[in-house]
PDB file of all heavy atoms in Angstrom:
ATOM      1  N   PRO A   1     -18.679   0.259  14.600  1.00  0.00           N
ATOM      2  CA  PRO A   1     -19.703   0.096  15.640  1.00  0.00           C
ATOM      3  C   PRO A   1     -20.992  -0.503  15.085  1.00  0.00           C
ATOM      4  O   PRO A   1     -21.290  -0.390  13.897  1.00  0.00           O
ATOM      5  CB  PRO A   1     -19.923   1.533  16.133  1.00  0.00           C
ATOM      6  CG  PRO A   1     -18.655   2.252  15.793  1.00  0.00           C
ATOM      7  CD  PRO A   1     -18.184   1.644  14.504  1.00  0.00           C
ATOM      8  N   THR A   2     -21.776  -1.117  15.961  1.00  0.00           N
ATOM      9  CA  THR A   2     -23.002  -1.794  15.527  1.00  0.00           C
ATOM     10  C   THR A   2     -24.035  -0.843  14.946  1.00  0.00           C
ATOM     11  O   THR A   2     -24.876  -1.255  14.153  1.00  0.00           O
ATOM     12  CB  THR A   2     -23.642  -2.557  16.698  1.00  0.00           C
ATOM     13  OG1 THR A   2     -23.821  -1.652  17.804  1.00  0.00           O
ATOM     14  CG2 THR A   2     -22.766  -3.707  17.137  1.00  0.00           C
ATOM     15  N   ASP A   3     -23.986   0.435  15.338  1.00  0.00           N
ATOM     16  CA  ASP A   3     -24.983   1.372  14.806  1.00  0.00           C
ATOM     17  C   ASP A   3     -24.524   2.041  13.518  1.00  0.00           C
ATOM     18  O   ASP A   3     -25.208   2.919  12.987  1.00  0.00           O
ATOM     19  CB  ASP A   3     -25.362   2.425  15.852  1.00  0.00           C
ATOM     20  CG  ASP A   3     -24.161   3.184  16.405  1.00  0.00           C
ATOM     21  OD1 ASP A   3     -23.017   2.765  16.119  1.00  0.00           O
ATOM     22  OD2 ASP A   3     -24.368   4.183  17.110  1.00  0.00           O
ATOM     23  N   TRP A   4     -23.347   1.643  12.992  1.00  0.00           N
ATOM     24  CA  TRP A   4     -22.919   2.068  11.661  1.00  0.00           C
ATOM     25  C   TRP A   4     -23.321   1.001  10.655  1.00  0.00           C
ATOM     26  O   TRP A   4     -23.340  -0.188  10.964  1.00  0.00           O
ATOM     27  CB  TRP A   4     -21.401   2.235  11.606  1.00  0.00           C
ATOM     28  CG  TRP A   4     -20.854   3.406  12.359  1.00  0.00           C
ATOM     29  CD1 TRP A   4     -21.103   3.750  13.659  1.00  0.00           C
ATOM     30  CD2 TRP A   4     -19.922   4.372  11.874  1.00  0.00           C
ATOM     31  NE1 TRP A   4     -20.392   4.859  14.018  1.00  0.00           N
ATOM     32  CE2 TRP A   4     -19.649   5.266  12.932  1.00  0.00           C
ATOM     33  CE3 TRP A   4     -19.272   4.559  10.658  1.00  0.00           C
ATOM     34  CZ2 TRP A   4     -18.781   6.344  12.819  1.00  0.00           C
ATOM     35  CZ3 TRP A   4     -18.396   5.625  10.528  1.00  0.00           C
ATOM     36  CH2 TRP A   4     -18.158   6.511  11.592  1.00  0.00           C
ATOM     37  N   GLN A   5     -23.631   1.434   9.447  1.00  0.00           N
ATOM     38  CA  GLN A   5     -24.015   0.502   8.390  1.00  0.00           C
ATOM     39  C   GLN A   5     -23.092   0.681   7.184  1.00  0.00           C
ATOM     40  O   GLN A   5     -22.424   1.706   7.043  1.00  0.00           O
ATOM     41  CB  GLN A   5     -25.477   0.738   7.976  1.00  0.00           C
ATOM     42  CG  GLN A   5     -26.483   0.562   9.101  1.00  0.00           C
ATOM     43  CD  GLN A   5     -26.509  -0.844   9.653  1.00  0.00           C
ATOM     44  OE1 GLN A   5     -26.438  -1.812   8.891  1.00  0.00           O
ATOM     45  NE2 GLN A   5     -26.574  -0.971  10.977  1.00  0.00           N
ATOM     46  N   THR A   6     -23.074  -0.326   6.332  1.00  0.00           N
ATOM     47  CA  THR A   6     -22.253  -0.253   5.128  1.00  0.00           C
ATOM     48  C   THR A   6     -23.120   0.032   3.910  1.00  0.00           C
ATOM     49  O   THR A   6     -24.295  -0.324   3.865  1.00  0.00           O
ATOM     50  CB  THR A   6     -21.479  -1.565   4.899  1.00  0.00           C
ATOM     51  OG1 THR A   6     -22.416  -2.646   4.762  1.00  0.00           O
ATOM     52  CG2 THR A   6     -20.541  -1.848   6.064  1.00  0.00           C
ATOM     53  N   VAL A   7     -22.515   0.685   2.934  1.00  0.00           N
ATOM     54  CA  VAL A   7     -23.170   0.994   1.656  1.00  0.00           C
ATOM     55  C   VAL A   7     -22.209   0.568   0.547  1.00  0.00           C
ATOM     56  O   VAL A   7     -21.091   1.083   0.471  1.00  0.00           O
ATOM     57  CB  VAL A   7     -23.492   2.498   1.525  1.00  0.00           C
ATOM     58  CG1 VAL A   7     -24.131   2.786   0.170  1.00  0.00           C
ATOM     59  CG2 VAL A   7     -24.397   2.963   2.659  1.00  0.00           C
ATOM     60  N   ASP A   8     -22.614  -0.383  -0.272  1.00  0.00           N
ATOM     61  CA  ASP A   8     -21.758  -0.829  -1.377  1.00  0.00           C
ATOM     62  C   ASP A   8     -21.663   0.276  -2.425  1.00  0.00           C
ATOM     63  O   ASP A   8     -22.666   0.709  -2.976  1.00  0.00           O
ATOM     64  CB  ASP A   8     -22.317  -2.101  -2.015  1.00  0.00           C
ATOM     65  CG  ASP A   8     -22.219  -3.308  -1.095  1.00  0.00           C
ATOM     66  OD1 ASP A   8     -21.324  -3.310  -0.241  1.00  0.00           O
ATOM     67  OD2 ASP A   8     -23.044  -4.228  -1.228  1.00  0.00           O
ATOM     68  N   LEU A   9     -20.450   0.725  -2.693  1.00  0.00           N
ATOM     69  CA  LEU A   9     -20.237   1.808  -3.650  1.00  0.00           C
ATOM     70  C   LEU A   9     -19.640   1.320  -4.963  1.00  0.00           C
ATOM     71  O   LEU A   9     -19.964   1.835  -6.024  1.00  0.00           O
ATOM     72  CB  LEU A   9     -19.327   2.874  -3.030  1.00  0.00           C
ATOM     73  CG  LEU A   9     -19.850   3.546  -1.753  1.00  0.00           C
ATOM     74  CD1 LEU A   9     -18.814   4.509  -1.203  1.00  0.00           C
ATOM     75  CD2 LEU A   9     -21.170   4.260  -2.017  1.00  0.00           C
ATOM     76  N   GLN A  10     -18.753   0.336  -4.882  1.00  0.00           N
ATOM     77  CA  GLN A  10     -18.122  -0.187  -6.103  1.00  0.00           C
ATOM     78  C   GLN A  10     -17.533  -1.544  -5.793  1.00  0.00           C
ATOM     79  O   GLN A  10     -16.610  -1.666  -4.993  1.00  0.00           O
ATOM     80  CB  GLN A  10     -17.027   0.763  -6.600  1.00  0.00           C
ATOM     81  CG  GLN A  10     -16.373   0.323  -7.903  1.00  0.00           C
ATOM     82  CD  GLN A  10     -15.426   1.385  -8.425  1.00  0.00           C
ATOM     83  OE1 GLN A  10     -15.608   2.566  -8.194  1.00  0.00           O
ATOM     84  NE2 GLN A  10     -14.396   0.960  -9.132  1.00  0.00           N
ATOM     85  N   ALA A  11     -18.053  -2.581  -6.426  1.00  0.00           N
ATOM     86  CA  ALA A  11     -17.607  -3.949  -6.170  1.00  0.00           C
ATOM     87  C   ALA A  11     -16.573  -4.346  -7.209  1.00  0.00           C
ATOM     88  O   ALA A  11     -16.869  -5.039  -8.183  1.00  0.00           O
ATOM     89  CB  ALA A  11     -18.787  -4.913  -6.198  1.00  0.00           C
ATOM     90  N   GLY A  12     -15.358  -3.878  -7.039  1.00  0.00           N
ATOM     91  CA  GLY A  12     -14.295  -4.188  -7.982  1.00  0.00           C
ATOM     92  C   GLY A  12     -13.551  -5.457  -7.608  1.00  0.00           C
ATOM     93  O   GLY A  12     -13.780  -6.063  -6.562  1.00  0.00           O
ATOM     94  N   ASP A  13     -12.645  -5.886  -8.466  1.00  0.00           N
ATOM     95  CA  ASP A  13     -11.796  -7.037  -8.230  1.00  0.00           C
ATOM     96  C   ASP A  13     -10.400  -6.509  -7.965  1.00  0.00           C
ATOM     97  O   ASP A  13      -9.880  -5.706  -8.727  1.00  0.00           O
ATOM     98  CB  ASP A  13     -11.799  -7.957  -9.463  1.00  0.00           C
ATOM     99  CG  ASP A  13     -11.289  -9.339  -9.141  1.00  0.00           C
ATOM    100  OD1 ASP A  13     -10.401  -9.446  -8.270  1.00  0.00           O
ATOM    101  OD2 ASP A  13     -11.766 -10.312  -9.744  1.00  0.00           O
ATOM    102  N   VAL A  14      -9.778  -6.955  -6.876  1.00  0.00           N
ATOM    103  CA  VAL A  14      -8.553  -6.296  -6.439  1.00  0.00           C
ATOM    104  C   VAL A  14      -7.351  -7.237  -6.431  1.00  0.00           C
ATOM    105  O   VAL A  14      -6.454  -7.113  -5.627  1.00  0.00           O
ATOM    106  CB  VAL A  14      -8.738  -5.681  -5.031  1.00  0.00           C
ATOM    107  CG1 VAL A  14      -9.699  -4.521  -5.098  1.00  0.00           C
ATOM    108  CG2 VAL A  14      -9.228  -6.718  -4.032  1.00  0.00           C
ATOM    109  N   LYS A  15      -7.302  -8.205  -7.339  1.00  0.00           N
ATOM    110  CA  LYS A  15      -6.102  -9.021  -7.479  1.00  0.00           C
ATOM    111  C   LYS A  15      -4.966  -8.162  -8.047  1.00  0.00           C
ATOM    112  O   LYS A  15      -5.206  -7.166  -8.711  1.00  0.00           O
ATOM    113  CB  LYS A  15      -6.359 -10.205  -8.413  1.00  0.00           C
ATOM    114  CG  LYS A  15      -7.169 -11.334  -7.775  1.00  0.00           C
ATOM    115  CD  LYS A  15      -7.250 -12.525  -8.709  1.00  0.00           C
ATOM    116  CE  LYS A  15      -7.972 -13.680  -8.074  1.00  0.00           C
ATOM    117  NZ  LYS A  15      -8.067 -14.850  -8.974  1.00  0.00           N
ATOM    118  N   PRO A  16      -3.723  -8.579  -7.795  1.00  0.00           N
ATOM    119  CA  PRO A  16      -2.594  -7.810  -8.342  1.00  0.00           C
ATOM    120  C   PRO A  16      -2.662  -7.686  -9.851  1.00  0.00           C
ATOM    121  O   PRO A  16      -3.221  -8.537 -10.539  1.00  0.00           O
ATOM    122  CB  PRO A  16      -1.367  -8.627  -7.908  1.00  0.00           C
ATOM    123  CG  PRO A  16      -1.835  -9.397  -6.718  1.00  0.00           C
ATOM    124  CD  PRO A  16      -3.286  -9.689  -6.967  1.00  0.00           C
ATOM    125  N   ASP A  17      -2.085  -6.606 -10.359  1.00  0.00           N
ATOM    126  CA  ASP A  17      -2.053  -6.363 -11.797  1.00  0.00           C
ATOM    127  C   ASP A  17      -1.406  -7.548 -12.515  1.00  0.00           C
ATOM    128  O   ASP A  17      -0.429  -8.121 -12.043  1.00  0.00           O
ATOM    129  CB  ASP A  17      -1.254  -5.093 -12.083  1.00  0.00           C
ATOM    130  CG  ASP A  17      -1.270  -4.726 -13.561  1.00  0.00           C
ATOM    131  OD1 ASP A  17      -2.348  -4.433 -14.065  1.00  0.00           O
ATOM    132  OD2 ASP A  17      -0.200  -4.776 -14.171  1.00  0.00           O
ATOM    133  N   GLY A  18      -1.946  -7.922 -13.655  1.00  0.00           N
ATOM    134  CA  GLY A  18      -1.419  -9.040 -14.426  1.00  0.00           C
ATOM    135  C   GLY A  18      -2.268 -10.283 -14.298  1.00  0.00           C
ATOM    136  O   GLY A  18      -2.208 -11.173 -15.140  1.00  0.00           O
ATOM    137  N   GLN A  19      -3.099 -10.373 -13.243  1.00  0.00           N
ATOM    138  CA  GLN A  19      -3.970 -11.518 -13.063  1.00  0.00           C
ATOM    139  C   GLN A  19      -5.375 -11.258 -13.588  1.00  0.00           C
ATOM    140  O   GLN A  19      -6.216 -12.137 -13.592  1.00  0.00           O
ATOM    141  CB  GLN A  19      -4.039 -11.902 -11.578  1.00  0.00           C
ATOM    142  CG  GLN A  19      -2.697 -12.321 -10.997  1.00  0.00           C
ATOM    143  CD  GLN A  19      -2.830 -12.817  -9.573  1.00  0.00           C
ATOM    144  OE1 GLN A  19      -3.885 -13.257  -9.159  1.00  0.00           O
ATOM    145  NE2 GLN A  19      -1.741 -12.756  -8.823  1.00  0.00           N
ATOM    146  N   LEU A  20      -5.621 -10.041 -14.014  1.00  0.00           N
ATOM    147  CA  LEU A  20      -6.941  -9.666 -14.503  1.00  0.00           C
ATOM    148  C   LEU A  20      -6.814  -8.913 -15.819  1.00  0.00           C
ATOM    149  O   LEU A  20      -5.806  -8.255 -16.064  1.00  0.00           O
ATOM    150  CB  LEU A  20      -7.654  -8.747 -13.497  1.00  0.00           C
ATOM    151  CG  LEU A  20      -8.044  -9.354 -12.154  1.00  0.00           C
ATOM    152  CD1 LEU A  20      -8.470  -8.247 -11.217  1.00  0.00           C
ATOM    153  CD2 LEU A  20      -9.168 -10.351 -12.324  1.00  0.00           C
ATOM    154  N   ALA A  21      -7.844  -9.025 -16.644  1.00  0.00           N
ATOM    155  CA  ALA A  21      -7.859  -8.223 -17.865  1.00  0.00           C
ATOM    156  C   ALA A  21      -7.993  -6.744 -17.501  1.00  0.00           C
ATOM    157  O   ALA A  21      -7.315  -5.880 -18.051  1.00  0.00           O
ATOM    158  CB  ALA A  21      -9.004  -8.662 -18.763  1.00  0.00           C
ATOM    159  N   VAL A  22      -8.895  -6.442 -16.564  1.00  0.00           N
ATOM    160  CA  VAL A  22      -9.091  -5.066 -16.102  1.00  0.00           C
ATOM    161  C   VAL A  22      -9.169  -5.089 -14.582  1.00  0.00           C
ATOM    162  O   VAL A  22     -10.020  -5.776 -14.009  1.00  0.00           O
ATOM    163  CB  VAL A  22     -10.388  -4.462 -16.683  1.00  0.00           C
ATOM    164  CG1 VAL A  22     -10.582  -3.045 -16.143  1.00  0.00           C
ATOM    165  CG2 VAL A  22     -10.347  -4.448 -18.201  1.00  0.00           C
ATOM    166  N   ALA A  23      -8.280  -4.375 -13.925  1.00  0.00           N
ATOM    167  CA  ALA A  23      -8.304  -4.282 -12.464  1.00  0.00           C
ATOM    168  C   ALA A  23      -9.182  -3.105 -12.052  1.00  0.00           C
ATOM    169  O   ALA A  23      -9.079  -2.026 -12.620  1.00  0.00           O
ATOM    170  CB  ALA A  23      -6.893  -4.102 -11.925  1.00  0.00           C
ATOM    171  N   GLU A  24     -10.047  -3.333 -11.069  1.00  0.00           N
ATOM    172  CA  GLU A  24     -10.966  -2.287 -10.633  1.00  0.00           C
ATOM    173  C   GLU A  24     -10.840  -2.064  -9.136  1.00  0.00           C
ATOM    174  O   GLU A  24     -10.537  -2.992  -8.380  1.00  0.00           O
ATOM    175  CB  GLU A  24     -12.410  -2.666 -10.972  1.00  0.00           C
ATOM    176  CG  GLU A  24     -12.695  -2.783 -12.465  1.00  0.00           C
ATOM    177  CD  GLU A  24     -14.140  -3.155 -12.738  1.00  0.00           C
ATOM    178  OE1 GLU A  24     -14.812  -3.618 -11.793  1.00  0.00           O
ATOM    179  OE2 GLU A  24     -14.588  -2.972 -13.870  1.00  0.00           O
ATOM    180  N   ALA A  25     -11.106  -0.851  -8.713  1.00  0.00           N
ATOM    181  CA  ALA A  25     -11.082  -0.527  -7.289  1.00  0.00           C
ATOM    182  C   ALA A  25     -12.299  -1.131  -6.597  1.00  0.00           C
ATOM    183  O   ALA A  25     -13.332  -1.405  -7.224  1.00  0.00           O
ATOM    184  CB  ALA A  25     -11.055   0.982  -7.098  1.00  0.00           C
ATOM    185  N   TRP A  26     -12.157  -1.322  -5.294  1.00  0.00           N
ATOM    186  CA  TRP A  26     -13.248  -1.811  -4.437  1.00  0.00           C
ATOM    187  C   TRP A  26     -13.527  -0.745  -3.398  1.00  0.00           C
ATOM    188  O   TRP A  26     -12.608  -0.260  -2.743  1.00  0.00           O
ATOM    189  CB  TRP A  26     -12.808  -3.127  -3.797  1.00  0.00           C
ATOM    190  CG  TRP A  26     -13.750  -3.723  -2.791  1.00  0.00           C
ATOM    191  CD1 TRP A  26     -14.827  -4.513  -3.046  1.00  0.00           C
ATOM    192  CD2 TRP A  26     -13.659  -3.622  -1.359  1.00  0.00           C
ATOM    193  NE1 TRP A  26     -15.412  -4.902  -1.858  1.00  0.00           N
ATOM    194  CE2 TRP A  26     -14.716  -4.372  -0.814  1.00  0.00           C
ATOM    195  CE3 TRP A  26     -12.764  -2.965  -0.506  1.00  0.00           C
ATOM    196  CZ2 TRP A  26     -14.920  -4.487   0.567  1.00  0.00           C
ATOM    197  CZ3 TRP A  26     -12.970  -3.073   0.865  1.00  0.00           C
ATOM    198  CH2 TRP A  26     -14.036  -3.832   1.384  1.00  0.00           C
ATOM    199  N   ARG A  27     -14.801  -0.344  -3.244  1.00  0.00           N
ATOM    200  CA  ARG A  27     -15.153   0.752  -2.346  1.00  0.00           C
ATOM    201  C   ARG A  27     -16.412   0.407  -1.570  1.00  0.00           C
ATOM    202  O   ARG A  27     -17.416  -0.021  -2.148  1.00  0.00           O
ATOM    203  CB  ARG A  27     -15.388   2.062  -3.119  1.00  0.00           C
ATOM    204  CG  ARG A  27     -14.226   2.504  -3.974  1.00  0.00           C
ATOM    205  CD  ARG A  27     -14.556   3.756  -4.768  1.00  0.00           C
ATOM    206  NE  ARG A  27     -14.633   4.935  -3.918  1.00  0.00           N
ATOM    207  CZ  ARG A  27     -15.709   5.709  -3.785  1.00  0.00           C
ATOM    208  NH1 ARG A  27     -16.824   5.434  -4.441  1.00  0.00           N
ATOM    209  NH2 ARG A  27     -15.677   6.769  -3.010  1.00  0.00           N
ATOM    210  N   VAL A  28     -16.371   0.622  -0.260  1.00  0.00           N
ATOM    211  CA  VAL A  28     -17.522   0.417   0.613  1.00  0.00           C
ATOM    212  C   VAL A  28     -17.671   1.654   1.489  1.00  0.00           C
ATOM    213  O   VAL A  28     -16.696   2.106   2.105  1.00  0.00           O
ATOM    214  CB  VAL A  28     -17.357  -0.836   1.492  1.00  0.00           C
ATOM    215  CG1 VAL A  28     -18.473  -0.918   2.530  1.00  0.00           C
ATOM    216  CG2 VAL A  28     -17.358  -2.096   0.630  1.00  0.00           C
ATOM    217  N   GLY A  29     -18.872   2.208   1.549  1.00  0.00           N
ATOM    218  CA  GLY A  29     -19.136   3.327   2.436  1.00  0.00           C
ATOM    219  C   GLY A  29     -19.508   2.829   3.821  1.00  0.00           C
ATOM    220  O   GLY A  29     -20.127   1.771   3.969  1.00  0.00           O
ATOM    221  N   ILE A  30     -19.128   3.579   4.852  1.00  0.00           N
ATOM    222  CA  ILE A  30     -19.557   3.291   6.220  1.00  0.00           C
ATOM    223  C   ILE A  30     -20.241   4.541   6.749  1.00  0.00           C
ATOM    224  O   ILE A  30     -19.719   5.646   6.655  1.00  0.00           O
ATOM    225  CB  ILE A  30     -18.386   2.858   7.120  1.00  0.00           C
ATOM    226  CG1 ILE A  30     -17.213   3.851   7.065  1.00  0.00           C
ATOM    227  CG2 ILE A  30     -17.895   1.470   6.703  1.00  0.00           C
ATOM    228  CD1 ILE A  30     -16.064   3.498   8.019  1.00  0.00           C
ATOM    229  N   ASP A  31     -21.454   4.366   7.275  1.00  0.00           N
ATOM    230  CA  ASP A  31     -22.337   5.501   7.553  1.00  0.00           C
ATOM    231  C   ASP A  31     -22.927   5.354   8.949  1.00  0.00           C
ATOM    232  O   ASP A  31     -23.523   4.324   9.271  1.00  0.00           O
ATOM    233  CB  ASP A  31     -23.456   5.529   6.500  1.00  0.00           C
ATOM    234  CG  ASP A  31     -24.195   6.854   6.446  1.00  0.00           C
ATOM    235  OD1 ASP A  31     -24.160   7.588   7.449  1.00  0.00           O
ATOM    236  OD2 ASP A  31     -24.817   7.140   5.411  1.00  0.00           O
ATOM    237  N   SER A  32     -22.775   6.388   9.784  1.00  0.00           N
ATOM    238  CA  SER A  32     -23.323   6.354  11.140  1.00  0.00           C
ATOM    239  C   SER A  32     -24.735   6.938  11.217  1.00  0.00           C
ATOM    240  O   SER A  32     -25.344   6.926  12.287  1.00  0.00           O
ATOM    241  CB  SER A  32     -22.415   7.131  12.091  1.00  0.00           C
ATOM    242  OG  SER A  32     -22.434   8.518  11.784  1.00  0.00           O
ATOM    243  N   ALA A  33     -25.249   7.450  10.097  1.00  0.00           N
ATOM    244  CA  ALA A  33     -26.587   8.051  10.095  1.00  0.00           C
ATOM    245  C   ALA A  33     -27.654   6.983  10.356  1.00  0.00           C
ATOM    246  O   ALA A  33     -27.471   5.802  10.042  1.00  0.00           O
ATOM    247  CB  ALA A  33     -26.855   8.740   8.768  1.00  0.00           C
TER     248      ALA A  33
END
């Protein structure tokens, strides 16, 4: 919804394993406050 906002929690790279030296998770918070 338009009154929810996003909060960047972890900007990882999510290509399949083998295409990166280190694969990291990607996380975004969504907050209605």
